PDB file of N, CA and C in Angstrom:
ATOM      1  N   UNK A   1      40.610 -78.715  13.827  1.00  0.00           N
ATOM      2  CA  UNK A   1      41.170 -78.527  15.143  1.00  0.00           C
ATOM      3  C   UNK A   1      42.739 -78.562  15.219  1.00  0.00           C
ATOM      4  N   UNK A   2      43.717 -77.551  15.169  1.00  0.00           N
ATOM      5  CA  UNK A   2      44.859 -77.741  15.092  1.00  0.00           C
ATOM      6  C   UNK A   2      45.927 -78.065  16.602  1.00  0.00           C
ATOM      7  N   UNK A   3      44.814 -77.922  17.912  1.00  0.00           N
ATOM      8  CA  UNK A   3      45.228 -77.949  19.014  1.00  0.00           C
ATOM      9  C   UNK A   3      44.620 -78.068  20.252  1.00  0.00           C
ATOM     10  N   UNK A   4      45.110 -79.043  20.788  1.00  0.00           N
ATOM     11  CA  UNK A   4      43.958 -79.334  22.265  1.00  0.00           C
ATOM     12  C   UNK A   4      44.971 -78.991  23.498  1.00  0.00           C
ATOM     13  N   UNK A   5      44.039 -78.647  24.518  1.00  0.00           N
ATOM     14  CA  UNK A   5      45.129 -78.028  26.006  1.00  0.00           C
ATOM     15  C   UNK A   5      44.451 -78.989  26.752  1.00  0.00           C
ATOM     16  N   UNK A   6      45.217 -79.509  27.561  1.00  0.00           N
ATOM     17  CA  UNK A   6      45.158 -80.268  28.648  1.00  0.00           C
ATOM     18  C   UNK A   6      45.528 -79.512  30.011  1.00  0.00           C
ATOM     19  N   UNK A   7      44.769 -79.367  30.408  1.00  0.00           N
ATOM     20  CA  UNK A   7      45.033 -78.862  32.248  1.00  0.00           C
ATOM     21  C   UNK A   7      45.389 -80.068  33.173  1.00  0.00           C
ATOM     22  N   UNK A   8      46.652 -80.011  33.373  1.00  0.00           N
ATOM     23  CA  UNK A   8      47.519 -80.793  33.811  1.00  0.00           C
ATOM     24  C   UNK A   8      47.497 -80.877  35.933  1.00  0.00           C
ATOM     25  N   UNK A   9      47.495 -81.785  36.593  1.00  0.00           N
ATOM     26  CA  UNK A   9      47.370 -81.293  38.232  1.00  0.00           C
ATOM     27  C   UNK A   9      48.170 -82.513  38.739  1.00  0.00           C
ATOM     28  N   UNK A  10      49.129 -82.028  39.656  1.00  0.00           N
ATOM     29  CA  UNK A  10      49.413 -83.347  40.479  1.00  0.00           C
ATOM     30  C   UNK A  10      48.037 -83.845  41.300  1.00  0.00           C
ATOM     31  N   UNK A  11      48.572 -85.243  41.299  1.00  0.00           N
ATOM     32  CA  UNK A  11      46.842 -85.797  41.799  1.00  0.00           C
ATOM     33  C   UNK A  11      47.621 -86.133  43.414  1.00  0.00           C
ATOM     34  N   UNK A  12      46.713 -86.611  44.243  1.00  0.00           N
ATOM     35  CA  UNK A  12      47.036 -86.430  46.031  1.00  0.00           C
ATOM     36  C   UNK A  12      47.654 -87.769  46.178  1.00  0.00           C
ATOM     37  N   UNK A  13      46.950 -88.390  44.842  1.00  0.00           N
ATOM     38  CA  UNK A  13      48.224 -89.910  45.731  1.00  0.00           C
ATOM     39  C   UNK A  13      49.264 -89.911  45.174  1.00  0.00           C
ATOM     40  N   UNK A  14      49.106 -89.113  44.560  1.00  0.00           N
ATOM     41  CA  UNK A  14      51.062 -89.433  44.084  1.00  0.00           C
ATOM     42  C   UNK A  14      50.719 -89.301  42.086  1.00  0.00           C
ATOM     43  N   UNK A  15      51.581 -88.938  41.383  1.00  0.00           N
ATOM     44  CA  UNK A  15      51.265 -89.119  39.891  1.00  0.00           C
ATOM     45  C   UNK A  15      50.681 -87.609  39.502  1.00  0.00           C
ATOM     46  N   UNK A  16      49.859 -87.845  38.203  1.00  0.00           N
ATOM     47  CA  UNK A  16      49.284 -86.620  37.732  1.00  0.00           C
ATOM     48  C   UNK A  16      47.966 -86.882  37.019  1.00  0.00           C
ATOM     49  N   UNK A  17      47.628 -85.947  37.124  1.00  0.00           N
ATOM     50  CA  UNK A  17      46.206 -86.067  36.244  1.00  0.00           C
ATOM     51  C   UNK A  17      46.078 -84.917  35.153  1.00  0.00           C
ATOM     52  N   UNK A  18      45.351 -85.690  34.189  1.00  0.00           N
ATOM     53  CA  UNK A  18      45.298 -84.544  33.276  1.00  0.00           C
ATOM     54  C   UNK A  18      43.887 -84.357  32.443  1.00  0.00           C
ATOM     55  N   UNK A  19      43.534 -83.061  32.172  1.00  0.00           N
ATOM     56  CA  UNK A  19      41.911 -83.060  31.806  1.00  0.00           C
ATOM     57  C   UNK A  19      42.064 -82.247  30.203  1.00  0.00           C
ATOM     58  N   UNK A  20      41.119 -82.456  29.376  1.00  0.00           N
ATOM     59  CA  UNK A  20      40.973 -81.899  28.708  1.00  0.00           C
ATOM     60  C   UNK A  20      40.242 -80.600  28.493  1.00  0.00           C
ATOM     61  N   UNK A  21      40.642 -79.732  27.917  1.00  0.00           N
ATOM     62  CA  UNK A  21      39.531 -78.413  28.019  1.00  0.00           C
ATOM     63  C   UNK A  21      38.634 -78.478  26.626  1.00  0.00           C
ATOM     64  N   UNK A  22      37.903 -78.899  26.576  1.00  0.00           N
ATOM     65  CA  UNK A  22      36.633 -78.631  25.583  1.00  0.00           C
ATOM     66  C   UNK A  22      36.005 -79.738  25.176  1.00  0.00           C
ATOM     67  N   UNK A  23      37.024 -81.053  25.892  1.00  0.00           N
ATOM     68  CA  UNK A  23      36.182 -82.560  25.354  1.00  0.00           C
ATOM     69  C   UNK A  23      36.466 -82.909  26.468  1.00  0.00           C
ATOM     70  N   UNK A  24      35.729 -84.401  26.631  1.00  0.00           N
ATOM     71  CA  UNK A  24      35.838 -85.151  27.589  1.00  0.00           C
ATOM     72  C   UNK A  24      36.556 -86.198  27.652  1.00  0.00           C
ATOM     73  N   UNK A  25      37.900 -85.853  27.867  1.00  0.00           N
ATOM     74  CA  UNK A  25      38.941 -86.490  27.510  1.00  0.00           C
ATOM     75  C   UNK A  25      39.668 -86.505  29.125  1.00  0.00           C
ATOM     76  N   UNK A  26      40.010 -87.519  29.852  1.00  0.00           N
ATOM     77  CA  UNK A  26      40.860 -87.618  31.376  1.00  0.00           C
ATOM     78  C   UNK A  26      41.712 -88.215  31.204  1.00  0.00           C
ATOM     79  N   UNK A  27      42.771 -88.498  31.824  1.00  0.00           N
ATOM     80  CA  UNK A  27      43.988 -89.341  31.766  1.00  0.00           C
ATOM     81  C   UNK A  27      44.647 -89.572  33.094  1.00  0.00           C
ATOM     82  N   UNK A  28      45.757 -90.025  33.728  1.00  0.00           N
ATOM     83  CA  UNK A  28      46.428 -90.011  34.741  1.00  0.00           C
ATOM     84  C   UNK A  28      47.576 -90.899  34.214  1.00  0.00           C
ATOM     85  N   UNK A  29      48.873 -90.365  35.131  1.00  0.00           N
ATOM     86  CA  UNK A  29      50.083 -90.892  34.954  1.00  0.00           C
ATOM     87  C   UNK A  29      50.924 -91.015  35.670  1.00  0.00           C
ATOM     88  N   UNK A  30      51.329 -92.326  36.390  1.00  0.00           N
ATOM     89  CA  UNK A  30      52.527 -92.332  37.267  1.00  0.00           C
ATOM     90  C   UNK A  30      53.850 -91.370  37.504  1.00  0.00           C
ATOM     91  N   UNK A  31      53.683 -90.686  36.323  1.00  0.00           N
ATOM     92  CA  UNK A  31      55.130 -90.021  36.202  1.00  0.00           C
ATOM     93  C   UNK A  31      55.117 -88.805  35.249  1.00  0.00           C
ATOM     94  N   UNK A  32      55.614 -87.894  35.013  1.00  0.00           N
ATOM     95  CA  UNK A  32      55.787 -87.100  33.459  1.00  0.00           C
ATOM     96  C   UNK A  32      55.531 -87.905  32.315  1.00  0.00           C
ATOM     97  N   UNK A  33      56.382 -88.574  32.041  1.00  0.00           N
ATOM     98  CA  UNK A  33      56.793 -89.541  30.792  1.00  0.00           C
ATOM     99  C   UNK A  33      55.478 -90.363  30.750  1.00  0.00           C
ATOM    100  N   UNK A  34      54.866 -91.032  31.409  1.00  0.00           N
ATOM    101  CA  UNK A  34      54.113 -91.887  31.471  1.00  0.00           C
ATOM    102  C   UNK A  34      52.407 -91.038  31.202  1.00  0.00           C
ATOM    103  N   UNK A  35      52.204 -90.051  31.939  1.00  0.00           N
ATOM    104  CA  UNK A  35      50.996 -88.887  31.415  1.00  0.00           C
ATOM    105  C   UNK A  35      51.633 -88.730  30.246  1.00  0.00           C
ATOM    106  N   UNK A  36      52.784 -88.349  29.433  1.00  0.00           N
ATOM    107  CA  UNK A  36      52.613 -87.463  28.320  1.00  0.00           C
ATOM    108  C   UNK A  36      52.017 -88.831  26.998  1.00  0.00           C
ATOM    109  N   UNK A  37      52.594 -89.923  27.276  1.00  0.00           N
ATOM    110  CA  UNK A  37      52.241 -91.389  26.438  1.00  0.00           C
ATOM    111  C   UNK A  37      50.799 -91.219  26.373  1.00  0.00           C
ATOM    112  N   UNK A  38      50.016 -91.133  27.876  1.00  0.00           N
ATOM    113  CA  UNK A  38      48.449 -91.298  28.238  1.00  0.00           C
ATOM    114  C   UNK A  38      47.596 -90.295  27.540  1.00  0.00           C
ATOM    115  N   UNK A  39      48.569 -89.145  27.345  1.00  0.00           N
ATOM    116  CA  UNK A  39      47.436 -88.395  26.496  1.00  0.00           C
ATOM    117  C   UNK A  39      47.513 -88.347  25.379  1.00  0.00           C
ATOM    118  N   UNK A  40      48.492 -89.148  24.521  1.00  0.00           N
ATOM    119  CA  UNK A  40      48.809 -89.338  23.564  1.00  0.00           C
ATOM    120  C   UNK A  40      47.719 -89.861  23.119  1.00  0.00           C
ATOM    121  N   UNK A  41      47.738 -90.979  23.162  1.00  0.00           N
ATOM    122  CA  UNK A  41      47.181 -92.180  23.585  1.00  0.00           C
ATOM    123  C   UNK A  41      45.402 -92.022  23.697  1.00  0.00           C
ATOM    124  N   UNK A  42      45.353 -91.175  24.501  1.00  0.00           N
ATOM    125  CA  UNK A  42      43.785 -90.648  25.030  1.00  0.00           C
ATOM    126  C   UNK A  42      43.101 -90.034  23.585  1.00  0.00           C
ATOM    127  N   UNK A  43      43.953 -89.278  23.036  1.00  0.00           N
ATOM    128  CA  UNK A  43      43.575 -88.269  22.147  1.00  0.00           C
ATOM    129  C   UNK A  43      43.446 -88.848  21.084  1.00  0.00           C
ATOM    130  N   UNK A  44      44.719 -89.878  20.845  1.00  0.00           N
ATOM    131  CA  UNK A  44      44.495 -90.710  19.318  1.00  0.00           C
ATOM    132  C   UNK A  44      42.552 -91.549  19.576  1.00  0.00           C
ATOM    133  N   UNK A  45      42.662 -92.157  20.766  1.00  0.00           N
ATOM    134  CA  UNK A  45      41.259 -92.523  20.934  1.00  0.00           C
ATOM    135  C   UNK A  45      40.042 -92.017  21.120  1.00  0.00           C
ATOM    136  N   UNK A  46      40.083 -90.975  21.623  1.00  0.00           N
ATOM    137  CA  UNK A  46      38.747 -89.877  21.490  1.00  0.00           C
ATOM    138  C   UNK A  46      39.006 -89.690  19.996  1.00  0.00           C
ATOM    139  N   UNK A  47      39.825 -88.786  19.216  1.00  0.00           N
ATOM    140  CA  UNK A  47      39.727 -88.788  17.769  1.00  0.00           C
ATOM    141  C   UNK A  47      39.962 -89.946  16.842  1.00  0.00           C
ATOM    142  N   UNK A  48      39.460 -90.716  16.663  1.00  0.00           N
ATOM    143  CA  UNK A  48      39.513 -92.051  15.274  1.00  0.00           C
ATOM    144  C   UNK A  48      39.670 -91.395  14.387  1.00  0.00           C
ATOM    145  N   UNK A  49      38.729 -90.075  14.137  1.00  0.00           N
ATOM    146  CA  UNK A  49      39.016 -89.647  12.266  1.00  0.00           C
ATOM    147  C   UNK A  49      40.318 -88.817  12.674  1.00  0.00           C
ATOM    148  N   UNK A  50      41.302 -88.968  11.332  1.00  0.00           N
ATOM    149  CA  UNK A  50      42.403 -88.552  11.784  1.00  0.00           C
ATOM    150  C   UNK A  50      42.524 -86.990  11.058  1.00  0.00           C
ATOM    151  N   UNK A  51      41.576 -86.598  10.549  1.00  0.00           N
ATOM    152  CA  UNK A  51      41.564 -85.000   9.980  1.00  0.00           C
ATOM    153  C   UNK A  51      41.067 -84.483  10.768  1.00  0.00           C
ATOM    154  N   UNK A  52      40.362 -84.424  12.268  1.00  0.00           N
ATOM    155  CA  UNK A  52      39.984 -83.991  13.233  1.00  0.00           C
ATOM    156  C   UNK A  52      40.506 -84.267  14.573  1.00  0.00           C
ATOM    157  N   UNK A  53      41.668 -84.924  14.683  1.00  0.00           N
ATOM    158  CA  UNK A  53      42.392 -85.301  15.187  1.00  0.00           C
ATOM    159  C   UNK A  53      43.325 -83.501  15.447  1.00  0.00           C
ATOM    160  N   UNK A  54      43.707 -83.369  16.669  1.00  0.00           N
ATOM    161  CA  UNK A  54      44.735 -82.205  16.849  1.00  0.00           C
ATOM    162  C   UNK A  54      45.947 -82.624  15.989  1.00  0.00           C
ATOM    163  N   UNK A  55      47.004 -81.218  15.961  1.00  0.00           N
ATOM    164  CA  UNK A  55      48.116 -82.000  15.374  1.00  0.00           C
ATOM    165  C   UNK A  55      48.954 -81.088  16.781  1.00  0.00           C
ATOM    166  N   UNK A  56      48.528 -80.596  17.575  1.00  0.00           N
ATOM    167  CA  UNK A  56      49.630 -80.193  18.795  1.00  0.00           C
ATOM    168  C   UNK A  56      48.376 -80.358  20.105  1.00  0.00           C
ATOM    169  N   UNK A  57      49.400 -80.867  20.757  1.00  0.00           N
ATOM    170  CA  UNK A  57      48.774 -80.923  22.263  1.00  0.00           C
ATOM    171  C   UNK A  57      49.435 -80.379  23.209  1.00  0.00           C
ATOM    172  N   UNK A  58      49.088 -79.603  24.028  1.00  0.00           N
ATOM    173  CA  UNK A  58      49.427 -78.241  24.808  1.00  0.00           C
ATOM    174  C   UNK A  58      49.117 -79.244  26.648  1.00  0.00           C
ATOM    175  N   UNK A  59      50.050 -79.438  27.456  1.00  0.00           N
ATOM    176  CA  UNK A  59      50.189 -79.445  28.153  1.00  0.00           C
ATOM    177  C   UNK A  59      49.951 -78.668  29.592  1.00  0.00           C
ATOM    178  N   UNK A  60      49.258 -78.081  30.067  1.00  0.00           N
ATOM    179  CA  UNK A  60      49.307 -76.759  30.943  1.00  0.00           C
ATOM    180  C   UNK A  60      49.253 -76.806  32.414  1.00  0.00           C
ATOM    181  N   UNK A  61      50.353 -77.397  33.165  1.00  0.00           N
ATOM    182  CA  UNK A  61      50.920 -77.808  34.597  1.00  0.00           C
ATOM    183  C   UNK A  61      50.029 -76.790  35.478  1.00  0.00           C
ATOM    184  N   UNK A  62      49.017 -77.202  36.045  1.00  0.00           N
ATOM    185  CA  UNK A  62      48.698 -75.807  37.415  1.00  0.00           C
ATOM    186  C   UNK A  62      49.073 -76.991  38.820  1.00  0.00           C
ATOM    187  N   UNK A  63      49.644 -75.897  39.342  1.00  0.00           N
ATOM    188  CA  UNK A  63      49.872 -76.261  40.457  1.00  0.00           C
ATOM    189  C   UNK A  63      49.663 -74.682  41.844  1.00  0.00           C
ATOM    190  N   UNK A  64      48.622 -75.511  42.104  1.00  0.00           N
ATOM    191  CA  UNK A  64      48.083 -74.628  43.557  1.00  0.00           C
ATOM    192  C   UNK A  64      48.781 -74.821  45.136  1.00  0.00           C
ATOM    193  N   UNK A  65      49.137 -73.743  45.530  1.00  0.00           N
ATOM    194  CA  UNK A  65      49.856 -73.593  46.692  1.00  0.00           C
ATOM    195  C   UNK A  65      49.257 -72.645  47.581  1.00  0.00           C
ATOM    196  N   UNK A  66      49.364 -73.608  48.927  1.00  0.00           N
ATOM    197  CA  UNK A  66      48.444 -72.563  50.315  1.00  0.00           C
ATOM    198  C   UNK A  66      49.759 -71.917  50.869  1.00  0.00           C
ATOM    199  N   UNK A  67      49.835 -70.968  51.354  1.00  0.00           N
ATOM    200  CA  UNK A  67      50.927 -70.579  52.201  1.00  0.00           C
ATOM    201  C   UNK A  67      50.589 -69.873  53.587  1.00  0.00           C
ATOM    202  N   UNK A  68      51.239 -70.484  54.595  1.00  0.00           N
ATOM    203  CA  UNK A  68      50.457 -69.733  55.893  1.00  0.00           C
ATOM    204  C   UNK A  68      51.023 -68.040  55.868  1.00  0.00           C
ATOM    205  N   UNK A  69      50.246 -67.354  56.353  1.00  0.00           N
ATOM    206  CA  UNK A  69      50.260 -66.086  56.435  1.00  0.00           C
ATOM    207  C   UNK A  69      51.330 -65.464  58.014  1.00  0.00           C
TER     208      UNK A  69
END
């Protein structure tokens, strides 16, 4: 595997939540820099066998916005 994709959303209580697509990996961070560190750490912890670890981590930020009509 060469790439893993995380869906990132703003958390209701502040900060960000990230969920890997296709893997059981979930993490949070108070700010963007902390989230990036936490995602890298979560990937390293999940893929303990280095050859299986993805070489690219993609963060896909999703923002749901509701507008009054």
